[in-house]
PDB file of N, CA and C in Angstrom:
ATOM      1  N   MET A   1      14.755 -62.138-127.750  1.00  0.00           N
ATOM      2  CA  MET A   1      14.387 -62.269-126.374  1.00  0.00           C
ATOM      3  C   MET A   1      14.689 -63.670-125.853  1.00  0.00           C
ATOM      4  N   LYS A   2      14.582 -64.649-126.721  1.00  0.00           N
ATOM      5  CA  LYS A   2      14.865 -66.012-126.276  1.00  0.00           C
ATOM      6  C   LYS A   2      16.326 -66.186-125.894  1.00  0.00           C
ATOM      7  N   ASN A   3      17.214 -65.435-126.515  1.00  0.00           N
ATOM      8  CA  ASN A   3      18.643 -65.592-126.257  1.00  0.00           C
ATOM      9  C   ASN A   3      19.163 -64.677-125.153  1.00  0.00           C
ATOM     10  N   TYR A   4      18.597 -63.493-125.027  1.00  0.00           N
ATOM     11  CA  TYR A   4      19.151 -62.504-124.102  1.00  0.00           C
ATOM     12  C   TYR A   4      18.179 -62.043-123.026  1.00  0.00           C
ATOM     13  N   GLY A   5      16.907 -62.344-123.177  1.00  0.00           N
ATOM     14  CA  GLY A   5      15.923 -61.899-122.203  1.00  0.00           C
ATOM     15  C   GLY A   5      15.413 -60.507-122.515  1.00  0.00           C
ATOM     16  N   LEU A   6      14.840 -59.878-121.507  1.00  0.00           N
ATOM     17  CA  LEU A   6      14.328 -58.527-121.669  1.00  0.00           C
ATOM     18  C   LEU A   6      14.433 -57.788-120.351  1.00  0.00           C
ATOM     19  N   VAL A   7      14.370 -56.465-120.439  1.00  0.00           N
ATOM     20  CA  VAL A   7      14.442 -55.609-119.258  1.00  0.00           C
ATOM     21  C   VAL A   7      13.359 -54.548-119.414  1.00  0.00           C
ATOM     22  N   PRO A   8      12.517 -54.356-118.395  1.00  0.00           N
ATOM     23  CA  PRO A   8      11.490 -53.318-118.505  1.00  0.00           C
ATOM     24  C   PRO A   8      12.119 -51.922-118.540  1.00  0.00           C
ATOM     25  N   GLU A   9      11.441 -50.995-119.175  1.00  0.00           N
ATOM     26  CA  GLU A   9      11.981 -49.646-119.304  1.00  0.00           C
ATOM     27  C   GLU A   9      12.217 -48.985-117.948  1.00  0.00           C
ATOM     28  N   SER A  10      11.435 -49.361-116.940  1.00  0.00           N
ATOM     29  CA  SER A  10      11.643 -48.778-115.611  1.00  0.00           C
ATOM     30  C   SER A  10      13.011 -49.152-115.035  1.00  0.00           C
ATOM     31  N   ALA A  11      13.587 -50.259-115.492  1.00  0.00           N
ATOM     32  CA  ALA A  11      14.904 -50.695-115.023  1.00  0.00           C
ATOM     33  C   ALA A  11      16.023 -50.311-115.983  1.00  0.00           C
ATOM     34  N   TYR A  12      15.675 -50.021-117.228  1.00  0.00           N
ATOM     35  CA  TYR A  12      16.683 -49.716-118.247  1.00  0.00           C
ATOM     36  C   TYR A  12      16.029 -48.890-119.338  1.00  0.00           C
ATOM     37  N   SER A  13      16.210 -47.578-119.261  1.00  0.00           N
ATOM     38  CA  SER A  13      15.521 -46.688-120.197  1.00  0.00           C
ATOM     39  C   SER A  13      16.199 -46.606-121.556  1.00  0.00           C
ATOM     40  N   GLY A  14      17.478 -46.943-121.627  1.00  0.00           N
ATOM     41  CA  GLY A  14      18.210 -46.799-122.885  1.00  0.00           C
ATOM     42  C   GLY A  14      18.601 -45.360-123.165  1.00  0.00           C
ATOM     43  N   LYS A  15      18.548 -44.520-122.140  1.00  0.00           N
ATOM     44  CA  LYS A  15      18.935 -43.110-122.269  1.00  0.00           C
ATOM     45  C   LYS A  15      20.071 -42.847-121.287  1.00  0.00           C
ATOM     46  N   ALA A  16      21.265 -43.291-121.646  1.00  0.00           N
ATOM     47  CA  ALA A  16      22.399 -43.266-120.720  1.00  0.00           C
ATOM     48  C   ALA A  16      22.908 -41.870-120.408  1.00  0.00           C
ATOM     49  N   ARG A  17      22.707 -40.950-121.279  1.00  0.00           N
ATOM     50  CA  ARG A  17      23.324 -39.634-121.107  1.00  0.00           C
ATOM     51  C   ARG A  17      22.351 -38.600-120.561  1.00  0.00           C
ATOM     52  N   GLY A  18      21.339 -39.038-119.834  1.00  0.00           N
ATOM     53  CA  GLY A  18      20.395 -38.121-119.222  1.00  0.00           C
ATOM     54  C   GLY A  18      19.431 -37.465-120.195  1.00  0.00           C
ATOM     55  N   GLU A  19      19.235 -38.055-121.339  1.00  0.00           N
ATOM     56  CA  GLU A  19      18.332 -37.487-122.340  1.00  0.00           C
ATOM     57  C   GLU A  19      16.877 -37.713-121.945  1.00  0.00           C
ATOM     58  N   LYS A  20      16.006 -36.802-122.378  1.00  0.00           N
ATOM     59  CA  LYS A  20      14.575 -36.981-122.145  1.00  0.00           C
ATOM     60  C   LYS A  20      13.974 -37.940-123.168  1.00  0.00           C
ATOM     61  N   ASP A  21      14.421 -37.824-124.394  1.00  0.00           N
ATOM     62  CA  ASP A  21      13.903 -38.647-125.488  1.00  0.00           C
ATOM     63  C   ASP A  21      15.045 -39.439-126.113  1.00  0.00           C
ATOM     64  N   HIS A  22      14.681 -40.484-126.823  1.00  0.00           N
ATOM     65  CA  HIS A  22      15.688 -41.256-127.553  1.00  0.00           C
ATOM     66  C   HIS A  22      16.105 -40.465-128.785  1.00  0.00           C
ATOM     67  N   ASN A  23      17.412 -40.261-128.934  1.00  0.00           N
ATOM     68  CA  ASN A  23      17.954 -39.595-130.112  1.00  0.00           C
ATOM     69  C   ASN A  23      19.199 -40.374-130.517  1.00  0.00           C
ATOM     70  N   HIS A  24      19.092 -41.118-131.595  1.00  0.00           N
ATOM     71  CA  HIS A  24      20.158 -42.027-131.975  1.00  0.00           C
ATOM     72  C   HIS A  24      20.984 -41.536-133.162  1.00  0.00           C
ATOM     73  N   GLY A  25      20.891 -40.260-133.478  1.00  0.00           N
ATOM     74  CA  GLY A  25      21.592 -39.732-134.646  1.00  0.00           C
ATOM     75  C   GLY A  25      23.092 -39.943-134.607  1.00  0.00           C
ATOM     76  N   ASP A  26      23.737 -39.539-133.506  1.00  0.00           N
ATOM     77  CA  ASP A  26      25.196 -39.699-133.398  1.00  0.00           C
ATOM     78  C   ASP A  26      25.592 -41.164-133.409  1.00  0.00           C
ATOM     79  N   MET A  27      24.867 -41.971-132.641  1.00  0.00           N
ATOM     80  CA  MET A  27      25.170 -43.399-132.574  1.00  0.00           C
ATOM     81  C   MET A  27      25.000 -44.040-133.951  1.00  0.00           C
ATOM     82  N   ASP A  28      23.946 -43.667-134.643  1.00  0.00           N
ATOM     83  CA  ASP A  28      23.696 -44.219-135.971  1.00  0.00           C
ATOM     84  C   ASP A  28      24.847 -43.892-136.922  1.00  0.00           C
ATOM     85  N   THR A  29      25.371 -42.680-136.836  1.00  0.00           N
ATOM     86  CA  THR A  29      26.498 -42.292-137.692  1.00  0.00           C
ATOM     87  C   THR A  29      27.718 -43.164-137.412  1.00  0.00           C
ATOM     88  N   LEU A  30      28.038 -43.358-136.135  1.00  0.00           N
ATOM     89  CA  LEU A  30      29.196 -44.189-135.779  1.00  0.00           C
ATOM     90  C   LEU A  30      29.027 -45.626-136.256  1.00  0.00           C
ATOM     91  N   LEU A  31      27.859 -46.209-135.978  1.00  0.00           N
ATOM     92  CA  LEU A  31      27.631 -47.608-136.370  1.00  0.00           C
ATOM     93  C   LEU A  31      27.569 -47.753-137.893  1.00  0.00           C
ATOM     94  N   SER A  32      27.010 -46.772-138.572  1.00  0.00           N
ATOM     95  CA  SER A  32      26.969 -46.810-140.046  1.00  0.00           C
ATOM     96  C   SER A  32      28.378 -46.796-140.626  1.00  0.00           C
ATOM     97  N   ASN A  33      29.259 -46.003-140.025  1.00  0.00           N
ATOM     98  CA  ASN A  33      30.649 -45.969-140.498  1.00  0.00           C
ATOM     99  C   ASN A  33      31.332 -47.311-140.301  1.00  0.00           C
ATOM    100  N   ILE A  34      31.037 -47.981-139.206  1.00  0.00           N
ATOM    101  CA  ILE A  34      31.610 -49.316-138.980  1.00  0.00           C
ATOM    102  C   ILE A  34      31.092 -50.298-140.023  1.00  0.00           C
ATOM    103  N   VAL A  35      29.793 -50.243-140.301  1.00  0.00           N
ATOM    104  CA  VAL A  35      29.212 -51.131-141.313  1.00  0.00           C
ATOM    105  C   VAL A  35      29.840 -50.859-142.681  1.00  0.00           C
ATOM    106  N   LYS A  36      29.981 -49.594-143.054  1.00  0.00           N
ATOM    107  CA  LYS A  36      30.593 -49.252-144.342  1.00  0.00           C
ATOM    108  C   LYS A  36      32.028 -49.765-144.425  1.00  0.00           C
ATOM    109  N   TYR A  37      32.768 -49.624-143.315  1.00  0.00           N
ATOM    110  CA  TYR A  37      34.140 -50.133-143.280  1.00  0.00           C
ATOM    111  C   TYR A  37      34.150 -51.646-143.495  1.00  0.00           C
ATOM    112  N   CYS A  38      33.257 -52.341-142.803  1.00  0.00           N
ATOM    113  CA  CYS A  38      33.197 -53.799-142.935  1.00  0.00           C
ATOM    114  C   CYS A  38      32.852 -54.216-144.361  1.00  0.00           C
ATOM    115  N   ILE A  39      31.900 -53.539-144.963  1.00  0.00           N
ATOM    116  CA  ILE A  39      31.508 -53.854-146.328  1.00  0.00           C
ATOM    117  C   ILE A  39      32.665 -53.610-147.290  1.00  0.00           C
ATOM    118  N   SER A  40      33.323 -52.463-147.151  1.00  0.00           N
ATOM    119  CA  SER A  40      34.410 -52.135-148.085  1.00  0.00           C
ATOM    120  C   SER A  40      35.619 -53.052-147.917  1.00  0.00           C
ATOM    121  N   ASN A  41      35.754 -53.667-146.737  1.00  0.00           N
ATOM    122  CA  ASN A  41      36.867 -54.582-146.491  1.00  0.00           C
ATOM    123  C   ASN A  41      36.424 -56.039-146.472  1.00  0.00           C
ATOM    124  N   GLN A  42      35.219 -56.291-146.963  1.00  0.00           N
ATOM    125  CA  GLN A  42      34.649 -57.635-147.069  1.00  0.00           C
ATOM    126  C   GLN A  42      34.693 -58.401-145.743  1.00  0.00           C
ATOM    127  N   ILE A  43      34.448 -57.676-144.659  1.00  0.00           N
ATOM    128  CA  ILE A  43      34.386 -58.300-143.338  1.00  0.00           C
ATOM    129  C   ILE A  43      32.955 -58.772-143.129  1.00  0.00           C
ATOM    130  N   THR A  44      32.791 -60.068-142.952  1.00  0.00           N
ATOM    131  CA  THR A  44      31.447 -60.622-142.781  1.00  0.00           C
ATOM    132  C   THR A  44      31.179 -61.072-141.345  1.00  0.00           C
ATOM    133  N   GLU A  45      32.235 -61.109-140.529  1.00  0.00           N
ATOM    134  CA  GLU A  45      32.075 -61.495-139.124  1.00  0.00           C
ATOM    135  C   GLU A  45      33.044 -60.657-138.294  1.00  0.00           C
ATOM    136  N   LEU A  46      32.527 -60.034-137.238  1.00  0.00           N
ATOM    137  CA  LEU A  46      33.373 -59.196-136.401  1.00  0.00           C
ATOM    138  C   LEU A  46      34.284 -60.045-135.520  1.00  0.00           C
ATOM    139  N   ASN A  47      35.529 -59.568-135.353  1.00  0.00           N
ATOM    140  CA  ASN A  47      36.416 -60.223-134.398  1.00  0.00           C
ATOM    141  C   ASN A  47      36.114 -59.665-133.004  1.00  0.00           C
ATOM    142  N   LYS A  48      36.774 -60.190-131.992  1.00  0.00           N
ATOM    143  CA  LYS A  48      36.490 -59.784-130.602  1.00  0.00           C
ATOM    144  C   LYS A  48      36.708 -58.287-130.393  1.00  0.00           C
ATOM    145  N   ARG A  49      37.771 -57.734-130.945  1.00  0.00           N
ATOM    146  CA  ARG A  49      38.055 -56.306-130.787  1.00  0.00           C
ATOM    147  C   ARG A  49      36.970 -55.458-131.432  1.00  0.00           C
ATOM    148  N   GLN A  50      36.530 -55.855-132.611  1.00  0.00           N
ATOM    149  CA  GLN A  50      35.466 -55.123-133.294  1.00  0.00           C
ATOM    150  C   GLN A  50      34.154 -55.210-132.517  1.00  0.00           C
ATOM    151  N   GLU A  51      33.870 -56.394-131.964  1.00  0.00           N
ATOM    152  CA  GLU A  51      32.673 -56.547-131.138  1.00  0.00           C
ATOM    153  C   GLU A  51      32.732 -55.631-129.925  1.00  0.00           C
ATOM    154  N   MET A  52      33.917 -55.519-129.319  1.00  0.00           N
ATOM    155  CA  MET A  52      34.077 -54.649-128.151  1.00  0.00           C
ATOM    156  C   MET A  52      33.842 -53.188-128.514  1.00  0.00           C
ATOM    157  N   VAL A  53      34.270 -52.771-129.708  1.00  0.00           N
ATOM    158  CA  VAL A  53      34.047 -51.395-130.161  1.00  0.00           C
ATOM    159  C   VAL A  53      32.548 -51.135-130.313  1.00  0.00           C
ATOM    160  N   VAL A  54      31.845 -52.043-130.961  1.00  0.00           N
ATOM    161  CA  VAL A  54      30.397 -51.893-131.142  1.00  0.00           C
ATOM    162  C   VAL A  54      29.689 -51.885-129.786  1.00  0.00           C
ATOM    163  N   ASP A  55      30.067 -52.817-128.909  1.00  0.00           N
ATOM    164  CA  ASP A  55      29.462 -52.862-127.571  1.00  0.00           C
ATOM    165  C   ASP A  55      29.711 -51.575-126.793  1.00  0.00           C
ATOM    166  N   SER A  56      30.912 -51.019-126.901  1.00  0.00           N
ATOM    167  CA  SER A  56      31.223 -49.789-126.163  1.00  0.00           C
ATOM    168  C   SER A  56      30.410 -48.602-126.689  1.00  0.00           C
ATOM    169  N   ILE A  57      30.157 -48.574-127.986  1.00  0.00           N
ATOM    170  CA  ILE A  57      29.308 -47.521-128.552  1.00  0.00           C
ATOM    171  C   ILE A  57      27.883 -47.664-128.022  1.00  0.00           C
ATOM    172  N   LEU A  58      27.358 -48.883-128.039  1.00  0.00           N
ATOM    173  CA  LEU A  58      26.004 -49.118-127.537  1.00  0.00           C
ATOM    174  C   LEU A  58      25.900 -48.789-126.052  1.00  0.00           C
ATOM    175  N   ASP A  59      26.904 -49.180-125.268  1.00  0.00           N
ATOM    176  CA  ASP A  59      26.902 -48.878-123.839  1.00  0.00           C
ATOM    177  C   ASP A  59      26.948 -47.373-123.591  1.00  0.00           C
ATOM    178  N   HIS A  60      27.721 -46.660-124.393  1.00  0.00           N
ATOM    179  CA  HIS A  60      27.825 -45.210-124.234  1.00  0.00           C
ATOM    180  C   HIS A  60      26.475 -44.525-124.472  1.00  0.00           C
ATOM    181  N   TYR A  61      25.784 -44.932-125.514  1.00  0.00           N
ATOM    182  CA  TYR A  61      24.530 -44.267-125.875  1.00  0.00           C
ATOM    183  C   TYR A  61      23.307 -44.811-125.148  1.00  0.00           C
ATOM    184  N   TYR A  62      23.293 -46.106-124.863  1.00  0.00           N
ATOM    185  CA  TYR A  62      22.140 -46.723-124.199  1.00  0.00           C
ATOM    186  C   TYR A  62      22.348 -46.936-122.705  1.00  0.00           C
ATOM    187  N   GLY A  63      23.614 -47.026-122.286  1.00  0.00           N
ATOM    188  CA  GLY A  63      23.931 -47.419-120.918  1.00  0.00           C
ATOM    189  C   GLY A  63      24.180 -48.918-120.889  1.00  0.00           C
ATOM    190  N   THR A  64      24.850 -49.368-119.859  1.00  0.00           N
ATOM    191  CA  THR A  64      25.145 -50.785-119.720  1.00  0.00           C
ATOM    192  C   THR A  64      23.881 -51.533-119.325  1.00  0.00           C
ATOM    193  N   VAL A  65      23.607 -52.628-119.989  1.00  0.00           N
ATOM    194  CA  VAL A  65      22.427 -53.434-119.681  1.00  0.00           C
ATOM    195  C   VAL A  65      22.597 -54.047-118.298  1.00  0.00           C
ATOM    196  N   PRO A  66      21.598 -53.894-117.422  1.00  0.00           N
ATOM    197  CA  PRO A  66      21.730 -54.467-116.087  1.00  0.00           C
ATOM    198  C   PRO A  66      21.709 -55.994-116.119  1.00  0.00           C
ATOM    199  N   THR A  67      22.508 -56.595-115.252  1.00  0.00           N
ATOM    200  CA  THR A  67      22.505 -58.052-115.140  1.00  0.00           C
ATOM    201  C   THR A  67      21.428 -58.502-114.162  1.00  0.00           C
ATOM    202  N   GLU A  68      21.056 -57.609-113.239  1.00  0.00           N
ATOM    203  CA  GLU A  68      19.963 -57.841-112.293  1.00  0.00           C
ATOM    204  C   GLU A  68      19.235 -56.530-112.069  1.00  0.00           C
ATOM    205  N   PHE A  69      17.955 -56.612-111.771  1.00  0.00           N
ATOM    206  CA  PHE A  69      17.169 -55.417-111.500  1.00  0.00           C
ATOM    207  C   PHE A  69      15.950 -55.816-110.681  1.00  0.00           C
ATOM    208  N   VAL A  70      15.348 -54.829-110.031  1.00  0.00           N
ATOM    209  CA  VAL A  70      14.138 -55.065-109.250  1.00  0.00           C
ATOM    210  C   VAL A  70      12.948 -54.585-110.068  1.00  0.00           C
ATOM    211  N   TYR A  71      11.955 -55.441-110.191  1.00  0.00           N
ATOM    212  CA  TYR A  71      10.732 -55.119-110.926  1.00  0.00           C
ATOM    213  C   TYR A  71       9.550 -55.632-110.110  1.00  0.00           C
ATOM    214  N   LYS A  72       8.647 -54.726-109.776  1.00  0.00           N
ATOM    215  CA  LYS A  72       7.471 -55.057-108.965  1.00  0.00           C
ATOM    216  C   LYS A  72       7.856 -55.797-107.687  1.00  0.00           C
ATOM    217  N   GLY A  73       8.928 -55.305-107.048  1.00  0.00           N
ATOM    218  CA  GLY A  73       9.341 -55.842-105.762  1.00  0.00           C
ATOM    219  C   GLY A  73      10.150 -57.125-105.794  1.00  0.00           C
ATOM    220  N   LYS A  74      10.419 -57.660-106.967  1.00  0.00           N
ATOM    221  CA  LYS A  74      11.198 -58.891-107.088  1.00  0.00           C
ATOM    222  C   LYS A  74      12.471 -58.621-107.884  1.00  0.00           C
ATOM    223  N   THR A  75      13.524 -59.373-107.567  1.00  0.00           N
ATOM    224  CA  THR A  75      14.783 -59.255-108.289  1.00  0.00           C
ATOM    225  C   THR A  75      14.793 -60.247-109.449  1.00  0.00           C
ATOM    226  N   TYR A  76      15.152 -59.734-110.623  1.00  0.00           N
ATOM    227  CA  TYR A  76      15.165 -60.536-111.847  1.00  0.00           C
ATOM    228  C   TYR A  76      16.490 -60.366-112.571  1.00  0.00           C
ATOM    229  N   THR A  77      16.772 -61.289-113.478  1.00  0.00           N
ATOM    230  CA  THR A  77      17.773 -61.132-114.524  1.00  0.00           C
ATOM    231  C   THR A  77      16.973 -60.957-115.819  1.00  0.00           C
ATOM    232  N   PRO A  78      17.591 -60.458-116.888  1.00  0.00           N
ATOM    233  CA  PRO A  78      16.858 -60.348-118.148  1.00  0.00           C
ATOM    234  C   PRO A  78      16.263 -61.681-118.618  1.00  0.00           C
ATOM    235  N   GLU A  79      17.004 -62.774-118.443  1.00  0.00           N
ATOM    236  CA  GLU A  79      16.494 -64.088-118.859  1.00  0.00           C
ATOM    237  C   GLU A  79      15.328 -64.538-117.996  1.00  0.00           C
ATOM    238  N   LEU A  80      15.446 -64.339-116.681  1.00  0.00           N
ATOM    239  CA  LEU A  80      14.408 -64.794-115.764  1.00  0.00           C
ATOM    240  C   LEU A  80      13.083 -64.081-115.986  1.00  0.00           C
ATOM    241  N   ILE A  81      13.127 -62.783-116.245  1.00  0.00           N
ATOM    242  CA  ILE A  81      11.864 -62.071-116.463  1.00  0.00           C
ATOM    243  C   ILE A  81      11.229 -62.485-117.787  1.00  0.00           C
ATOM    244  N   ALA A  82      12.032 -62.794-118.782  1.00  0.00           N
ATOM    245  CA  ALA A  82      11.479 -63.272-120.056  1.00  0.00           C
ATOM    246  C   ALA A  82      10.784 -64.613-119.864  1.00  0.00           C
ATOM    247  N   ILE A  83      11.393 -65.457-119.067  1.00  0.00           N
ATOM    248  CA  ILE A  83      10.788 -66.766-118.794  1.00  0.00           C
ATOM    249  C   ILE A  83       9.512 -66.618-117.977  1.00  0.00           C
ATOM    250  N   SER A  84       9.571 -65.807-116.914  1.00  0.00           N
ATOM    251  CA  SER A  84       8.429 -65.720-116.002  1.00  0.00           C
ATOM    252  C   SER A  84       7.262 -64.903-116.563  1.00  0.00           C
ATOM    253  N   THR A  85       7.528 -63.914-117.408  1.00  0.00           N
ATOM    254  CA  THR A  85       6.431 -63.096-117.932  1.00  0.00           C
ATOM    255  C   THR A  85       5.937 -63.541-119.300  1.00  0.00           C
ATOM    256  N   LEU A  86       6.820 -64.080-120.116  1.00  0.00           N
ATOM    257  CA  LEU A  86       6.442 -64.454-121.475  1.00  0.00           C
ATOM    258  C   LEU A  86       6.506 -65.962-121.732  1.00  0.00           C
ATOM    259  N   GLY A  87       7.051 -66.692-120.790  1.00  0.00           N
ATOM    260  CA  GLY A  87       7.171 -68.140-120.959  1.00  0.00           C
ATOM    261  C   GLY A  87       8.253 -68.535-121.940  1.00  0.00           C
ATOM    262  N   LEU A  88       9.167 -67.629-122.245  1.00  0.00           N
ATOM    263  CA  LEU A  88      10.237 -67.952-123.191  1.00  0.00           C
ATOM    264  C   LEU A  88      11.306 -68.781-122.516  1.00  0.00           C
ATOM    265  N   ILE A  89      11.921 -69.653-123.275  1.00  0.00           N
ATOM    266  CA  ILE A  89      13.067 -70.410-122.767  1.00  0.00           C
ATOM    267  C   ILE A  89      14.247 -70.168-123.692  1.00  0.00           C
ATOM    268  N   ARG A  90      15.419 -70.235-123.135  1.00  0.00           N
ATOM    269  CA  ARG A  90      16.635 -70.002-123.927  1.00  0.00           C
ATOM    270  C   ARG A  90      16.837 -71.158-124.890  1.00  0.00           C
ATOM    271  N   THR A  91      17.036 -70.825-126.177  1.00  0.00           N
ATOM    272  CA  THR A  91      17.198 -71.862-127.183  1.00  0.00           C
ATOM    273  C   THR A  91      18.630 -71.995-127.656  1.00  0.00           C
ATOM    274  N   ILE A  92      19.440 -70.946-127.481  1.00  0.00           N
ATOM    275  CA  ILE A  92      20.835 -70.977-127.923  1.00  0.00           C
ATOM    276  C   ILE A  92      21.699 -70.642-126.727  1.00  0.00           C
ATOM    277  N   THR A  93      22.737 -71.423-126.501  1.00  0.00           N
ATOM    278  CA  THR A  93      23.623 -71.147-125.361  1.00  0.00           C
ATOM    279  C   THR A  93      24.843 -70.372-125.797  1.00  0.00           C
TER     280      THR A  93
END
């Protein structure tokens, strides 16, 4: 939370495909296969292309994280709401 902030569920449910409940089975299979590939090829740090693949999987299943949202009548960013509600400050740039 200190690095990326937070978003209330009312602004970001993490259910991008219209699901009622969270079901991460398919996503878990895809990400597990990526991890297994990395382990078998001794990859310890993802390159930009690999990061984009992981991000696209997360965006597909969770939806794109909002950069701004309205919460209790005010407009926030994930970082700003973390600071204002929890008193967190960003420690890593």
